Amino acid sequence: MLMALLTGAFASALDLRPAAAAQWQPAGSLRLLGGQYAFRGARAGVSGDAEFRGALAAVLGDRWSLLGSLDTAYEGTKPLSQPTGGGALFQQRMAHAAGVKAVYAPSANRWRFKPSLRYRLELLRETRDERWFEGLFDSQAVTLGFEGELPFRDLYSLRLGLDYGFVSFPRYRSLEARSPTDFQGGRLARELAGDKVLDHRSQTAYAALSFPMSFLGKSEVDASLSFQRRGFQDQPVVTGDGTLSGTNRVDFETRASARGSAAKEIRRELRLRGAFGLSGAISISNQNRYDADRGEYLARYYNRTEWSLSPSVALELGDERSPVTVRLRLDRTTRAWGRRRAQDASGVYRGPALSQTVWTTGLDLRWPLGTRLSLVSEIEGSWASSNQAYEQYYRYNYGSVRAVTGLELAF
């Protein structure tokens, strides 16, 4: 429902007729959910999630429009995050983001030009007694973007864009960085030992295409391709003898995705909607790792491939503007680190290349209680399996279940 409201607000802002004064149109939603979760069979107490998403669209003239956004979310259901690789379990999470995007549509052609600026703050609490804004993996990101969009034919759209971003972890300081020498006084050559080793800058170029199709009624396809470079300013590359070189880490990632959606009216006030997503990514890094405890040198440690399939189907009953909706979704994600060997439970490198498969399935229910108020319920389960048995620092094999219910208000 929120996306429909935001789309409508932005579409109104793009109605570039001459205006004597700025025309403002707000839209947003508020979600309050409560429930339980379980991780690796251990059930936790009742907790809650909260989310607010808002947007303000405005026409500033006959050629310019503006869209501002504000998102904030709190997760009390032990989110699983991957700040450095693998999976790390956190007690609570907050994320706040604000952005502004301008749209300029010159009269001479059909292109629309969209400069944008976005700020994001993520806070992670590893323990209940840890204070907010003092987390080791708290991060902030600033992204400056420029996009050109060309609408053509009927409902076709081509987008080309460039983004420049900076991500910092202001409170990250590894335990090894506090004692950066071994028992003989030599420097510990570990790539994550330091203060600003996770900070990085990124440059992204992307292309995206949207177009309609005549398949099972009304359908649409979105496809995208992106290339990203990430440079770490204070993370030296580890060499084969365990020392640090004078070259810093650089990652390159290529990502492609496609998503198709279709809607079919079965009979009056009964509709079936389906979607299918496919995505893949290849990450190449010059960073290595030297495991001093086992005398093992692992070249290109962060090289990774990732593939995801995400089908979903939804049944809608009632008025199309505010229907009762039941949605079943499934996601399968496979990750492989081609240059990283799997370890047994004691940490010895014995296996082939490390890999992990994560299955996630969910059942969502939305029941309108009024024009803008809805009852929402979500049940989600995730199961991860891997040939990595050593899990002293990160989780590679786990099962989790999350069940929440609450209210959503759209405005």
Protein backbone atom coordinates (compact mmCIF):
# COMPACT_ATOMS: atom_id res chain seq x y z
CA MET A 1 0.00 0.00 0.00
CA LEU A 2 2.81 2.42 0.84
CA MET A 3 4.50 1.95 -2.52
CA ALA A 4 1.23 2.75 -4.28
CA LEU A 5 0.88 5.94 -2.26
CA LEU A 6 4.47 6.97 -2.90
CA THR A 7 4.16 6.20 -6.60
CA GLY A 8 1.02 8.28 -6.80
CA ALA A 9 2.65 11.18 -4.97
CA PHE A 10 5.71 11.10 -7.20
CA ALA A 11 3.61 10.78 -10.35
CA SER A 12 1.65 13.84 -9.31
CA ALA A 13 4.90 15.70 -8.76
CA LEU A 14 6.00 14.76 -12.28
CA ASP A 15 2.87 16.27 -13.78
CA LEU A 16 4.91 19.16 -15.12
CA ARG A 17 2.21 21.67 -15.91
CA PRO A 18 2.96 25.30 -15.09
CA ALA A 19 2.29 26.08 -11.45
CA ALA A 20 2.00 29.45 -9.77
CA ALA A 21 3.29 28.07 -6.48
CA ALA A 22 4.82 24.88 -5.15
CA GLN A 23 2.34 22.02 -4.76
CA TRP A 24 3.17 19.64 -1.91
CA GLN A 25 1.84 16.11 -1.53
CA PRO A 26 2.82 13.90 1.46
CA ALA A 27 2.52 10.12 1.75
CA GLY A 28 3.71 7.53 4.22
CA SER A 29 3.01 4.60 6.50
CA LEU A 30 3.58 3.50 10.10
CA ARG A 31 3.90 -0.16 11.12
CA LEU A 32 3.86 -1.46 14.70
CA LEU A 33 4.39 -5.22 15.09
CA GLY A 34 4.88 -7.54 18.04
CA GLY A 35 5.63 -11.23 18.32
CA GLN A 36 8.20 -13.93 18.99
CA TYR A 37 11.25 -15.36 17.30
CA ALA A 38 13.43 -18.41 17.68
CA PHE A 39 17.04 -18.91 16.61
CA ARG A 40 18.62 -22.37 16.49
CA GLY A 41 15.71 -23.75 18.50
CA ALA A 42 16.06 -21.28 21.37
CA ARG A 43 12.81 -19.37 21.79
CA ALA A 44 13.01 -15.77 22.93
CA GLY A 45 10.49 -13.59 24.71
CA VAL A 46 7.98 -11.26 23.15
CA SER A 47 9.56 -8.45 21.18
CA GLY A 48 8.54 -5.93 18.58
CA ASP A 49 9.36 -4.15 15.35
CA ALA A 50 8.44 -0.64 14.26
CA GLU A 51 8.80 1.11 10.92
CA PHE A 52 7.96 4.55 9.58
CA ARG A 53 8.29 5.51 5.93
CA GLY A 54 7.40 8.93 4.61
CA ALA A 55 7.75 10.96 1.44
CA LEU A 56 6.98 14.50 0.39
CA ALA A 57 6.63 15.28 -3.31
CA ALA A 58 6.43 18.78 -4.72
CA VAL A 59 6.13 20.56 -8.07
CA LEU A 60 8.45 23.58 -7.99
CA GLY A 61 7.80 24.84 -11.48
CA ASP A 62 7.01 23.74 -14.99
CA ARG A 63 10.30 21.81 -15.32
CA TRP A 64 11.34 20.93 -11.77
CA SER A 65 9.95 18.63 -9.10
CA LEU A 66 11.32 17.39 -5.79
CA LEU A 67 10.92 14.23 -3.70
CA GLY A 68 12.07 13.98 -0.10
CA SER A 69 12.01 10.75 1.90
CA LEU A 70 12.45 9.75 5.54
CA ASP A 71 12.65 6.12 6.70
CA THR A 72 13.21 4.82 10.21
CA ALA A 73 12.98 1.25 11.51
CA TYR A 74 13.54 -0.67 14.72
CA GLU A 75 13.99 -4.45 14.84
CA GLY A 76 13.80 -6.23 18.17
CA THR A 77 13.74 -9.72 16.70
CA LYS A 78 17.48 -10.40 16.65
CA PRO A 79 18.37 -9.46 13.07
CA LEU A 80 21.14 -11.46 11.38
CA SER A 81 23.67 -9.13 9.80
CA GLN A 82 26.91 -9.60 7.84
CA PRO A 83 29.15 -6.61 8.58
CA THR A 84 32.43 -8.40 7.85
CA GLY A 85 31.43 -11.78 6.35
CA GLY A 86 29.55 -14.82 7.58
CA GLY A 87 26.60 -14.07 9.85
CA ALA A 88 26.70 -12.27 13.18
CA LEU A 89 23.70 -12.29 15.53
CA PHE A 90 22.65 -8.96 17.01
CA GLN A 91 20.10 -8.31 19.76
CA GLN A 92 18.52 -5.20 18.24
CA ARG A 93 18.84 -3.00 15.19
CA MET A 94 17.82 0.51 14.18
CA ALA A 95 18.14 2.06 10.74
CA HIS A 96 17.41 5.66 9.81
CA ALA A 97 17.64 7.18 6.34
CA ALA A 98 16.82 10.51 4.75
CA GLY A 99 17.09 11.49 1.12
CA VAL A 100 16.20 14.10 -1.43
CA LYS A 101 15.84 13.71 -5.19
CA ALA A 102 15.24 16.44 -7.75
CA VAL A 103 13.75 15.81 -11.19
CA TYR A 104 14.43 18.09 -14.14
CA ALA A 105 12.55 17.54 -17.40
CA PRO A 106 13.89 19.83 -20.14
CA SER A 107 11.40 20.81 -22.80
CA ALA A 108 13.84 20.02 -25.62
CA ASN A 109 13.82 16.22 -25.16
CA ARG A 110 12.17 13.33 -23.32
CA TRP A 111 14.98 12.68 -20.87
CA ARG A 112 14.47 13.29 -17.16
CA PHE A 113 17.53 14.07 -15.06
CA LYS A 114 17.55 13.14 -11.36
CA PRO A 115 20.32 14.24 -8.99
CA SER A 116 19.97 12.78 -5.49
CA LEU A 117 21.53 12.77 -2.03
CA ARG A 118 20.92 10.16 0.68
CA TYR A 119 22.14 9.60 4.24
CA ARG A 120 21.76 6.34 6.18
CA LEU A 121 22.58 5.48 9.80
CA GLU A 122 22.52 1.86 11.05
CA LEU A 123 22.82 1.00 14.75
CA LEU A 124 23.44 -2.57 15.95
CA ARG A 125 23.36 -3.76 19.57
CA GLU A 126 25.27 -6.98 20.22
CA THR A 127 24.12 -7.25 23.86
CA ARG A 128 21.10 -5.97 25.77
CA ASP A 129 23.23 -3.83 28.10
CA GLU A 130 25.08 -2.14 25.24
CA ARG A 131 24.03 1.46 24.73
CA TRP A 132 22.68 2.79 21.47
CA PHE A 133 25.23 4.71 19.37
CA GLU A 134 28.07 2.73 20.99
CA GLY A 135 27.94 -0.43 18.88
CA LEU A 136 31.09 -1.81 17.32
CA PHE A 137 29.44 -2.17 13.90
CA ASP A 138 27.36 1.01 13.87
CA SER A 139 27.73 2.57 10.42
CA GLN A 140 26.77 5.63 8.46
CA ALA A 141 26.65 6.10 4.71
CA VAL A 142 26.32 9.06 2.37
CA THR A 143 25.43 8.53 -1.30
CA LEU A 144 25.42 11.13 -4.06
CA GLY A 145 23.72 10.03 -7.26
CA PHE A 146 22.81 11.19 -10.74
CA GLU A 147 20.33 9.37 -12.97
CA GLY A 148 18.94 9.92 -16.42
CA GLU A 149 15.59 8.34 -17.36
CA LEU A 150 14.18 8.00 -20.86
CA PRO A 151 10.49 6.99 -21.10
CA PHE A 152 9.64 5.64 -24.55
CA ARG A 153 6.86 3.81 -26.33
CA ASP A 154 4.07 2.79 -23.94
CA LEU A 155 5.25 2.22 -20.36
CA TYR A 156 8.86 1.55 -21.40
CA SER A 157 11.60 3.16 -19.35
CA LEU A 158 15.41 3.18 -19.59
CA ARG A 159 17.50 4.45 -16.65
CA LEU A 160 21.24 5.12 -16.58
CA GLY A 161 22.94 6.24 -13.39
CA LEU A 162 26.11 6.91 -11.44
CA ASP A 163 26.47 6.82 -7.63
CA TYR A 164 29.30 7.87 -5.36
CA GLY A 165 29.14 6.71 -1.75
CA PHE A 166 31.10 6.71 1.48
CA VAL A 167 30.55 4.23 4.34
CA SER A 168 32.18 4.61 7.75
CA PHE A 169 32.18 2.61 10.99
CA PRO A 170 33.05 5.35 13.50
CA ARG A 171 33.24 3.08 16.57
CA TYR A 172 34.82 0.01 15.02
CA ARG A 173 38.06 -0.95 16.73
CA SER A 174 39.07 -4.60 16.74
CA LEU A 175 40.44 -6.32 19.82
CA GLU A 176 43.59 -7.07 17.87
CA ALA A 177 44.02 -3.36 17.14
CA ARG A 178 44.21 -2.69 20.88
CA SER A 179 47.15 -5.08 21.10
CA PRO A 180 48.59 -4.99 17.57
CA THR A 181 51.66 -7.18 18.25
CA ASP A 182 52.17 -10.89 18.80
CA PHE A 183 54.06 -12.47 21.73
CA GLN A 184 57.38 -11.77 19.99
CA GLY A 185 56.55 -8.11 19.40
CA GLY A 186 55.76 -8.49 15.71
CA ARG A 187 52.77 -6.74 14.17
CA LEU A 188 49.63 -8.84 13.72
CA ALA A 189 48.97 -9.07 9.98
CA ARG A 190 45.21 -9.35 10.00
CA GLU A 191 43.23 -7.24 7.56
CA LEU A 192 40.49 -6.34 10.06
CA ALA A 193 42.82 -5.26 12.87
CA GLY A 194 42.58 -1.50 13.08
CA ASP A 195 40.29 1.49 13.55
CA LYS A 196 39.06 2.39 10.06
CA VAL A 197 39.66 -0.83 8.17
CA LEU A 198 35.97 -1.22 7.26
CA ASP A 199 35.55 2.35 5.99
CA HIS A 200 35.31 2.51 2.22
CA ARG A 201 34.29 4.61 -0.77
CA SER A 202 32.28 3.24 -3.67
CA GLN A 203 31.59 4.20 -7.27
CA THR A 204 28.64 2.55 -9.00
CA ALA A 205 27.43 2.64 -12.60
CA TYR A 206 24.13 1.01 -13.51
CA ALA A 207 21.55 0.57 -16.23
CA ALA A 208 17.93 -0.51 -15.78
CA LEU A 209 15.07 -1.25 -18.14
CA SER A 210 11.34 -1.59 -17.40
CA PHE A 211 8.77 -2.76 -19.92
CA PRO A 212 5.29 -4.34 -20.02
CA MET A 213 4.40 -7.80 -21.28
CA SER A 214 1.21 -9.56 -22.29
CA PHE A 215 1.40 -12.56 -20.00
CA LEU A 216 -1.42 -13.73 -17.74
CA GLY A 217 -3.09 -10.37 -18.00
CA LYS A 218 -1.22 -7.28 -16.82
CA SER A 219 2.50 -7.95 -16.40
CA GLU A 220 5.76 -6.03 -16.14
CA VAL A 221 9.49 -6.82 -16.23
CA ASP A 222 12.32 -4.90 -14.53
CA ALA A 223 15.95 -5.71 -15.34
CA SER A 224 19.15 -4.08 -14.14
CA LEU A 225 22.93 -4.38 -14.42
CA SER A 226 25.42 -2.62 -12.15
CA PHE A 227 29.18 -2.35 -11.68
CA GLN A 228 30.67 -1.18 -8.39
CA ARG A 229 34.17 -0.43 -7.17
CA ARG A 230 34.87 -0.28 -3.41
CA GLY A 231 38.12 1.14 -2.14
CA PHE A 232 39.19 0.67 1.49
CA GLN A 233 41.41 3.57 2.54
CA ASP A 234 42.96 1.94 5.64
CA GLN A 235 42.94 -1.81 5.00
CA PRO A 236 46.33 -2.98 3.67
CA VAL A 237 46.51 -6.16 1.62
CA VAL A 238 47.90 -9.19 3.49
CA THR A 239 50.88 -10.86 1.80
CA GLY A 240 51.84 -14.52 1.59
CA ASP A 241 54.28 -14.33 4.52
CA GLY A 242 51.68 -12.77 6.82
CA THR A 243 52.89 -9.18 6.63
CA LEU A 244 50.99 -6.13 5.43
CA SER A 245 51.76 -4.62 2.05
CA GLY A 246 51.63 -0.97 1.06
CA THR A 247 48.57 -1.56 -1.16
CA ASN A 248 45.04 -1.14 0.15
CA ARG A 249 42.11 -3.44 -0.47
CA VAL A 250 39.93 -2.88 -3.55
CA ASP A 251 36.76 -4.85 -4.41
CA PHE A 252 34.87 -5.01 -7.70
CA GLU A 253 31.30 -6.28 -7.88
CA THR A 254 29.11 -6.99 -10.90
CA ARG A 255 25.41 -7.52 -10.19
CA ALA A 256 22.53 -8.41 -12.51
CA SER A 257 18.87 -8.84 -11.64
CA ALA A 258 15.51 -9.32 -13.30
CA ARG A 259 12.03 -9.37 -11.84
CA GLY A 260 8.74 -10.09 -13.51
CA SER A 261 5.28 -9.54 -12.07
CA ALA A 262 1.82 -10.39 -13.38
CA ALA A 263 -1.78 -9.87 -12.26
CA LYS A 264 -4.84 -11.85 -13.32
CA GLU A 265 -8.45 -11.22 -12.40
CA ILE A 266 -10.05 -14.59 -11.68
CA ARG A 267 -13.51 -13.17 -11.13
CA ARG A 268 -15.01 -9.98 -9.77
CA GLU A 269 -13.16 -8.86 -6.62
CA LEU A 270 -10.79 -11.84 -6.76
CA ARG A 271 -7.31 -11.38 -8.23
CA LEU A 272 -4.14 -13.42 -8.41
CA ARG A 273 -0.74 -11.72 -8.45
CA GLY A 274 2.57 -13.44 -9.02
CA ALA A 275 6.20 -12.37 -9.15
CA PHE A 276 9.51 -14.03 -9.90
CA GLY A 277 12.94 -12.55 -9.23
CA LEU A 278 16.38 -13.72 -10.30
CA SER A 279 19.66 -12.06 -9.34
CA GLY A 280 23.35 -12.84 -9.39
CA ALA A 281 26.54 -11.14 -8.25
CA ILE A 282 30.26 -11.70 -8.64
CA SER A 283 32.67 -10.01 -6.22
CA ILE A 284 36.43 -9.91 -6.83
CA SER A 285 38.84 -8.63 -4.18
CA ASN A 286 42.61 -8.27 -3.97
CA GLN A 287 42.51 -8.92 -0.22
CA ASN A 288 44.02 -12.09 1.22
CA ARG A 289 44.06 -13.63 4.69
CA TYR A 290 46.81 -15.25 6.71
CA ASP A 291 45.62 -17.56 9.50
CA ALA A 292 48.55 -17.37 11.92
CA ASP A 293 47.07 -19.98 14.28
CA ARG A 294 47.14 -22.63 11.54
CA GLY A 295 49.86 -21.25 9.28
CA GLU A 296 47.43 -21.06 6.36
CA TYR A 297 47.57 -18.41 3.62
CA LEU A 298 44.26 -17.85 1.81
CA ALA A 299 44.63 -15.79 -1.36
CA ARG A 300 41.69 -13.74 -2.68
CA TYR A 301 39.83 -14.48 0.54
CA TYR A 302 36.81 -12.28 -0.21
CA ASN A 303 36.09 -13.44 -3.78
CA ARG A 304 32.45 -14.50 -3.84
CA THR A 305 29.57 -15.44 -6.12
CA GLU A 306 25.91 -15.19 -5.16
CA TRP A 307 22.70 -16.32 -6.83
CA SER A 308 19.11 -15.78 -5.69
CA LEU A 309 15.67 -16.97 -6.79
CA SER A 310 12.61 -15.33 -5.25
CA PRO A 311 9.12 -16.34 -6.42
CA SER A 312 5.94 -15.15 -4.71
CA VAL A 313 2.20 -15.45 -5.20
CA ALA A 314 -0.59 -13.37 -3.68
CA LEU A 315 -4.37 -13.69 -3.58
CA GLU A 316 -6.43 -10.50 -3.28
CA LEU A 317 -10.08 -10.43 -2.27
CA GLY A 318 -12.32 -7.38 -2.30
CA ASP A 319 -11.94 -3.80 -3.48
CA GLU A 320 -8.73 -3.38 -5.50
CA ARG A 321 -7.89 -0.18 -3.58
CA SER A 322 -7.89 -1.96 -0.20
CA PRO A 323 -8.18 -5.75 -0.54
CA VAL A 324 -7.67 -8.61 1.86
CA THR A 325 -4.30 -10.02 0.78
CA VAL A 326 -2.62 -13.36 1.46
CA ARG A 327 0.91 -13.70 0.08
CA LEU A 328 3.27 -16.67 0.03
CA ARG A 329 6.93 -15.96 -0.72
CA LEU A 330 10.08 -18.02 -1.12
CA ASP A 331 13.73 -17.10 -1.51
CA ARG A 332 16.74 -19.30 -2.19
CA THR A 333 20.20 -17.72 -2.01
CA THR A 334 23.46 -19.56 -2.65
CA ARG A 335 26.85 -18.05 -1.85
CA ALA A 336 30.24 -19.51 -2.68
CA TRP A 337 33.72 -18.30 -1.75
CA GLY A 338 35.80 -19.94 -4.46
CA ARG A 339 39.20 -19.25 -2.88
CA ARG A 340 38.25 -19.97 0.74
CA ARG A 341 38.39 -23.56 1.97
CA ALA A 342 35.82 -24.86 4.45
CA GLN A 343 36.92 -25.75 7.99
CA ASP A 344 35.94 -28.57 10.30
CA ALA A 345 34.60 -27.95 13.81
CA SER A 346 38.11 -27.50 15.23
CA GLY A 347 39.06 -24.94 12.57
CA VAL A 348 41.28 -27.15 10.41
CA TYR A 349 41.03 -26.46 6.66
CA ARG A 350 39.90 -29.78 5.20
CA GLY A 351 37.07 -29.24 2.78
CA PRO A 352 36.53 -27.81 -0.70
CA ALA A 353 35.56 -24.19 -1.35
CA LEU A 354 33.24 -22.75 1.30
CA SER A 355 29.58 -22.43 0.27
CA GLN A 356 26.27 -21.64 1.92
CA THR A 357 22.62 -21.97 0.91
CA VAL A 358 19.85 -20.04 2.64
CA TRP A 359 16.16 -20.84 2.21
CA THR A 360 13.61 -18.28 3.40
CA THR A 361 9.85 -18.69 3.22
CA GLY A 362 7.13 -16.42 4.50
CA LEU A 363 3.36 -16.10 4.74
CA ASP A 364 1.91 -12.58 4.95
CA LEU A 365 -1.66 -11.51 5.69
CA ARG A 366 -3.15 -8.03 5.32
CA TRP A 367 -6.72 -7.38 6.50
CA PRO A 368 -8.13 -3.85 6.05
CA LEU A 369 -9.81 -2.43 9.15
CA GLY A 370 -10.67 0.85 7.50
CA THR A 371 -9.72 3.11 4.64
CA ARG A 372 -6.11 3.50 5.81
CA LEU A 373 -5.73 1.09 8.75
CA SER A 374 -4.86 -2.60 8.26
CA LEU A 375 -4.13 -5.62 10.41
CA VAL A 376 -0.91 -7.30 9.24
CA SER A 377 0.60 -10.65 10.21
CA GLU A 378 3.88 -12.21 9.09
CA ILE A 379 5.36 -15.66 9.64
CA GLU A 380 8.87 -16.20 8.30
CA GLY A 381 11.38 -19.00 8.54
CA SER A 382 15.01 -19.12 7.39
CA TRP A 383 17.29 -22.15 7.18
CA ALA A 384 20.98 -21.90 6.31
CA SER A 385 23.27 -24.83 5.55
CA SER A 386 26.98 -24.75 4.80
CA ASN A 387 30.01 -27.00 4.56
CA GLN A 388 31.67 -24.69 7.10
CA ALA A 389 31.61 -26.34 10.54
CA TYR A 390 33.85 -23.84 12.33
CA GLU A 391 31.55 -21.16 13.79
CA GLN A 392 33.47 -19.52 16.60
CA TYR A 393 32.92 -16.03 15.17
CA TYR A 394 30.13 -16.28 12.59
CA ARG A 395 27.04 -18.41 11.97
CA TYR A 396 26.92 -20.38 8.74
CA ASN A 397 24.41 -23.08 9.78
CA TYR A 398 21.23 -22.03 11.54
CA GLY A 399 17.46 -22.04 11.55
CA SER A 400 15.27 -19.15 12.63
CA VAL A 401 11.54 -18.50 12.85
CA ARG A 402 9.83 -15.14 13.26
CA ALA A 403 6.11 -14.54 13.83
CA VAL A 404 4.70 -11.03 14.32
CA THR A 405 1.35 -9.30 14.06
CA GLY A 406 0.26 -5.70 14.38
CA LEU A 407 -1.16 -2.66 12.65
CA GLU A 408 -0.22 -0.56 9.65
CA LEU A 409 -1.48 2.97 9.10
CA ALA A 410 -1.13 4.54 5.65
CA PHE A 411 -1.57 8.25 5.09
